[in-house]
Amino acid sequence: MTSLATHTDTPRPGDAYVQSFARGLEVIRSFSARTPHQTLSEVAAATGLTRAGARRILLTLQTLGYVGSDGKLFSLTPRILDLGFAYLSSMPIWNRAEPVMEALVREVQESCSAAVLDATDIVYVLRVPTQKIMRINLGVGSRLPAWCTSMGRLLLGELPDDEVKARIAASGVEAFTKHTLTDPEVILARVQQARRQGWCVVNQELEEGLISIAAPITDRAGRMVAALNISGQANRTSAKVMQESMLPPLLAAARQISSLL
């Protein structure tokens, strides 16, 4: 499982730091839903590399099959999925967790997801949808800000308060809806509340009309290593009803998955 150790400090190059490898990863990360196809100049600008440096990395990735090009534009190839699949395949727990999540979805008739914490974001490792209720297209590998999501606040609660404050400060807090909490102290208080009660609900802070509630997935030592959530529509299920009717089966499913670790 992903460690919840701090990722907020900038790595300092040393004898064990391979700068060219780090730059290669930056080139890969420069491609996104907003920039699926890029010119050499765009990749160089996005990564802070020279054109010559960006070209060497792109051609290396192309030779290895991770990048394709039509002669002008570069884009990632499906082989890049091998890198993410290596994480999932090394964690067979998610294969065993999927039937538990599917049963939960059938019971509550709402979407269910599992995520881990990575720096200031949560990263989805498994998702069982019922129907599309968000404008954001979520899937395995999708990232959302931790500070305004139910799974994120719950996972942040595993960290000391000073580290939580640092990650909130590094997140670029902004209002996504009229319900979004933007005061760092208030967000910290909600993280602390989630830590105390062992679950977290977020009501329309990330997207208008979206409510989610999360429960912890823990290892044998009782440490939270991931979170499980249910997402629903506010016009169909209020936060109060979700807490009363869906929290018990969600907690039960999270305990069942935890027992598989």
Protein backbone atom coordinates (compact mmCIF):
# COMPACT_ATOMS: atom_id res chain seq x y z
CA MET A 1 0.00 0.00 0.00
CA THR A 2 1.06 3.57 -0.49
CA SER A 3 2.83 4.99 2.53
CA LEU A 4 1.38 8.11 4.12
CA ALA A 5 4.85 9.50 4.71
CA THR A 6 5.34 13.13 3.79
CA HIS A 7 5.79 14.02 0.13
CA THR A 8 5.65 17.76 0.53
CA ASP A 9 9.42 18.37 0.68
CA THR A 10 11.17 18.92 -2.64
CA PRO A 11 13.62 16.06 -3.30
CA ARG A 12 17.24 17.12 -3.07
CA PRO A 13 19.49 15.60 -5.73
CA GLY A 14 22.32 13.53 -4.32
CA ASP A 15 24.41 10.51 -5.13
CA ALA A 16 21.28 8.33 -5.30
CA TYR A 17 19.27 10.81 -7.38
CA VAL A 18 19.12 10.09 -11.14
CA GLN A 19 18.21 13.42 -12.66
CA SER A 20 17.65 12.14 -16.19
CA PHE A 21 15.16 9.58 -14.89
CA ALA A 22 13.34 12.28 -12.92
CA ARG A 23 13.14 14.43 -16.03
CA GLY A 24 11.74 11.50 -18.00
CA LEU A 25 8.94 11.16 -15.46
CA GLU A 26 8.24 14.90 -15.72
CA VAL A 27 7.85 14.52 -19.49
CA ILE A 28 5.38 11.67 -19.00
CA ARG A 29 3.42 13.70 -16.43
CA SER A 30 3.21 16.67 -18.82
CA PHE A 31 0.63 14.73 -20.85
CA SER A 32 -2.91 14.94 -19.48
CA ALA A 33 -6.56 15.13 -20.49
CA ARG A 34 -5.98 18.80 -21.29
CA THR A 35 -2.74 18.16 -23.18
CA PRO A 36 -2.98 14.68 -24.75
CA HIS A 37 -0.98 15.76 -27.82
CA GLN A 38 2.00 18.10 -27.56
CA THR A 39 4.71 19.49 -29.79
CA LEU A 40 8.34 19.31 -28.77
CA SER A 41 8.25 22.99 -27.79
CA GLU A 42 5.15 22.47 -25.63
CA VAL A 43 6.74 19.57 -23.77
CA ALA A 44 9.89 21.62 -23.19
CA ALA A 45 7.86 24.56 -21.88
CA ALA A 46 5.71 22.36 -19.63
CA THR A 47 8.72 20.64 -18.05
CA GLY A 48 11.25 23.46 -17.99
CA LEU A 49 13.63 21.46 -20.18
CA THR A 50 15.55 22.71 -23.17
CA ARG A 51 14.22 21.61 -26.57
CA ALA A 52 17.28 19.38 -26.96
CA GLY A 53 16.72 17.77 -23.55
CA ALA A 54 13.00 17.25 -24.16
CA ARG A 55 13.74 15.78 -27.58
CA ARG A 56 16.20 13.22 -26.19
CA ILE A 57 13.70 12.06 -23.57
CA LEU A 58 10.78 11.93 -26.02
CA LEU A 59 12.79 9.92 -28.53
CA THR A 60 13.90 7.54 -25.77
CA LEU A 61 10.30 7.04 -24.66
CA GLN A 62 9.28 6.58 -28.29
CA THR A 63 11.95 3.92 -28.80
CA LEU A 64 10.67 2.11 -25.69
CA GLY A 65 7.10 2.31 -26.97
CA TYR A 66 5.69 4.64 -24.32
CA VAL A 67 5.30 7.63 -26.66
CA GLY A 68 4.08 7.88 -30.25
CA SER A 69 4.45 10.68 -32.78
CA ASP A 70 2.98 11.71 -36.12
CA GLY A 71 6.11 13.70 -36.92
CA LYS A 72 4.91 16.87 -35.19
CA LEU A 73 2.78 15.94 -32.19
CA PHE A 74 3.75 13.52 -29.45
CA SER A 75 1.30 11.49 -27.32
CA LEU A 76 1.40 8.64 -24.83
CA THR A 77 0.72 5.10 -26.02
CA PRO A 78 -1.30 2.41 -24.22
CA ARG A 79 1.98 0.85 -23.06
CA ILE A 80 2.21 3.62 -20.46
CA LEU A 81 -0.58 1.78 -18.61
CA ASP A 82 1.97 -0.92 -17.77
CA LEU A 83 3.55 1.47 -15.27
CA GLY A 84 0.30 1.96 -13.36
CA PHE A 85 -0.70 -1.68 -13.68
CA ALA A 86 2.55 -2.65 -11.99
CA TYR A 87 1.28 -0.97 -8.81
CA LEU A 88 -2.17 -2.56 -8.98
CA SER A 89 -0.85 -6.02 -9.83
CA SER A 90 1.60 -5.83 -6.92
CA MET A 91 -1.37 -5.17 -4.61
CA PRO A 92 -3.70 -8.17 -5.14
CA ILE A 93 -5.89 -6.85 -2.33
CA TRP A 94 -7.80 -4.77 -4.88
CA ASN A 95 -8.79 -7.86 -6.86
CA ARG A 96 -10.21 -9.31 -3.66
CA ALA A 97 -11.83 -6.02 -2.66
CA GLU A 98 -13.77 -5.60 -5.89
CA PRO A 99 -16.48 -8.22 -5.10
CA VAL A 100 -17.02 -6.56 -1.70
CA MET A 101 -17.47 -3.19 -3.40
CA GLU A 102 -19.80 -4.65 -6.02
CA ALA A 103 -21.99 -6.10 -3.28
CA LEU A 104 -22.05 -2.73 -1.53
CA VAL A 105 -23.08 -0.98 -4.76
CA ARG A 106 -25.93 -3.46 -5.22
CA GLU A 107 -27.08 -2.81 -1.67
CA VAL A 108 -26.97 0.99 -1.63
CA GLN A 109 -27.48 1.61 -5.36
CA GLU A 110 -24.71 4.23 -5.42
CA SER A 111 -21.17 4.31 -6.79
CA CYS A 112 -18.29 3.06 -4.67
CA SER A 113 -14.58 3.91 -4.92
CA ALA A 114 -11.30 3.18 -3.15
CA ALA A 115 -8.37 5.59 -3.05
CA VAL A 116 -4.97 6.14 -1.46
CA LEU A 117 -3.25 9.36 -0.46
CA ASP A 118 -0.41 10.76 -2.57
CA ALA A 119 0.98 14.10 -1.38
CA THR A 120 -1.94 16.57 -1.64
CA ASP A 121 -4.18 14.31 -3.74
CA ILE A 122 -6.12 11.11 -3.52
CA VAL A 123 -5.53 8.59 -6.29
CA TYR A 124 -8.31 6.18 -7.28
CA VAL A 125 -7.21 2.54 -7.22
CA LEU A 126 -10.63 0.93 -7.76
CA ARG A 127 -14.07 2.18 -8.73
CA VAL A 128 -17.45 0.47 -9.13
CA PRO A 129 -19.91 2.97 -10.64
CA THR A 130 -23.67 2.79 -10.91
CA GLN A 131 -24.14 5.73 -13.24
CA LYS A 132 -22.27 8.89 -14.13
CA ILE A 133 -23.10 11.47 -11.47
CA MET A 134 -20.07 13.74 -11.86
CA ARG A 135 -18.85 15.93 -14.66
CA ILE A 136 -15.38 14.63 -13.78
CA ASN A 137 -14.69 11.34 -15.52
CA LEU A 138 -13.22 9.17 -12.77
CA GLY A 139 -11.34 5.93 -13.20
CA VAL A 140 -8.34 4.07 -11.82
CA GLY A 141 -5.47 6.54 -11.60
CA SER A 142 -7.71 9.63 -11.41
CA ARG A 143 -6.59 12.25 -8.92
CA LEU A 144 -8.67 14.65 -6.82
CA PRO A 145 -7.62 17.14 -4.13
CA ALA A 146 -7.56 15.52 -0.70
CA TRP A 147 -8.63 18.58 1.28
CA CYS A 148 -12.16 18.76 -0.17
CA THR A 149 -13.02 15.07 -0.64
CA SER A 150 -14.38 12.61 1.91
CA MET A 151 -11.66 10.01 1.29
CA GLY A 152 -9.00 12.70 1.28
CA ARG A 153 -9.97 14.23 4.61
CA LEU A 154 -10.18 10.81 6.17
CA LEU A 155 -6.72 9.85 4.86
CA LEU A 156 -5.24 13.18 5.92
CA GLY A 157 -6.46 12.39 9.41
CA GLU A 158 -3.82 9.64 9.62
CA LEU A 159 -1.13 12.35 9.60
CA PRO A 160 -0.04 14.70 12.40
CA ASP A 161 -1.78 18.08 12.37
CA ASP A 162 1.38 19.94 11.33
CA GLU A 163 1.67 17.73 8.26
CA VAL A 164 -2.04 18.17 7.50
CA LYS A 165 -1.60 21.95 7.63
CA ALA A 166 1.41 21.73 5.30
CA ARG A 167 -0.50 19.68 2.75
CA ILE A 168 -3.52 21.98 2.88
CA ALA A 169 -1.19 24.96 2.35
CA ALA A 170 0.42 23.22 -0.63
CA SER A 171 -2.92 22.34 -2.21
CA GLY A 172 -3.93 25.68 -3.72
CA VAL A 173 -7.28 25.77 -1.92
CA GLU A 174 -10.07 27.27 -4.03
CA ALA A 175 -13.87 27.31 -4.04
CA PHE A 176 -15.30 24.73 -6.45
CA THR A 177 -18.90 25.40 -5.38
CA LYS A 178 -20.72 27.73 -2.99
CA HIS A 179 -20.43 24.96 -0.38
CA THR A 180 -16.63 24.55 -0.56
CA LEU A 181 -14.79 25.23 2.68
CA THR A 182 -11.71 27.34 1.97
CA ASP A 183 -10.50 28.40 5.42
CA PRO A 184 -7.48 26.18 6.22
CA GLU A 185 -8.35 26.12 9.93
CA VAL A 186 -11.91 24.99 9.19
CA ILE A 187 -10.63 22.31 6.81
CA LEU A 188 -8.19 21.14 9.50
CA ALA A 189 -11.09 20.96 11.98
CA ARG A 190 -13.03 18.74 9.56
CA VAL A 191 -9.98 16.49 9.16
CA GLN A 192 -9.72 16.24 12.94
CA GLN A 193 -13.44 15.43 13.16
CA ALA A 194 -13.02 12.65 10.60
CA ARG A 195 -10.07 11.30 12.60
CA ARG A 196 -12.12 11.21 15.81
CA GLN A 197 -15.28 9.63 14.41
CA GLY A 198 -13.62 7.23 11.96
CA TRP A 199 -15.57 8.33 8.88
CA CYS A 200 -16.13 11.47 6.83
CA VAL A 201 -18.92 13.05 4.81
CA VAL A 202 -18.45 15.89 2.30
CA ASN A 203 -21.54 17.69 1.06
CA GLN A 204 -21.26 19.31 -2.40
CA GLU A 205 -17.83 20.85 -1.83
CA LEU A 206 -16.12 19.38 -4.88
CA GLU A 207 -19.08 19.49 -7.25
CA GLU A 208 -22.60 20.88 -6.95
CA GLY A 209 -25.07 18.11 -6.17
CA LEU A 210 -22.44 15.51 -5.18
CA ILE A 211 -22.34 14.04 -1.68
CA SER A 212 -19.82 11.43 -0.59
CA ILE A 213 -19.13 9.53 2.60
CA ALA A 214 -15.92 7.62 3.34
CA ALA A 215 -14.69 4.90 5.70
CA PRO A 216 -11.14 3.73 6.48
CA ILE A 217 -9.38 0.63 5.16
CA THR A 218 -6.75 -0.42 7.70
CA ASP A 219 -3.91 -2.93 7.83
CA ARG A 220 -3.31 -5.48 10.57
CA ALA A 221 -1.61 -2.86 12.71
CA GLY A 222 -4.67 -0.62 12.51
CA ARG A 223 -3.02 1.94 10.26
CA MET A 224 -5.18 3.49 7.57
CA VAL A 225 -3.77 2.58 4.15
CA ALA A 226 -6.71 3.51 1.91
CA ALA A 227 -10.27 4.77 2.06
CA LEU A 228 -13.58 3.53 0.69
CA ASN A 229 -16.44 5.81 -0.24
CA ILE A 230 -19.99 6.00 -1.54
CA SER A 231 -20.99 8.89 -3.79
CA GLY A 232 -24.57 10.01 -4.35
CA GLN A 233 -26.70 12.85 -5.65
CA ALA A 234 -27.99 15.49 -3.26
CA ASN A 235 -31.33 15.74 -5.07
CA ARG A 236 -31.92 12.05 -4.38
CA THR A 237 -30.19 11.42 -1.05
CA SER A 238 -29.37 14.04 1.58
CA ALA A 239 -26.18 13.93 3.63
CA LYS A 240 -28.27 13.03 6.69
CA VAL A 241 -30.00 10.13 4.96
CA MET A 242 -26.68 8.93 3.53
CA GLN A 243 -25.15 8.95 6.98
CA GLU A 244 -28.09 7.09 8.52
CA SER A 245 -28.71 4.49 5.83
CA MET A 246 -25.44 4.04 3.95
CA LEU A 247 -22.74 4.56 6.57
CA PRO A 248 -23.37 1.22 8.37
CA PRO A 249 -22.98 -0.94 5.23
CA LEU A 250 -20.03 1.20 4.10
CA LEU A 251 -18.23 0.68 7.41
CA ALA A 252 -18.99 -3.04 7.23
CA ALA A 253 -17.54 -3.26 3.70
CA ALA A 254 -14.43 -1.31 4.76
CA ARG A 255 -13.92 -3.70 7.69
CA GLN A 256 -14.34 -6.68 5.38
CA ILE A 257 -11.72 -5.34 2.97
CA SER A 258 -9.42 -4.52 5.89
CA SER A 259 -9.68 -8.12 7.07
CA LEU A 260 -8.32 -9.25 3.70
CA LEU A 261 -5.05 -7.37 4.18
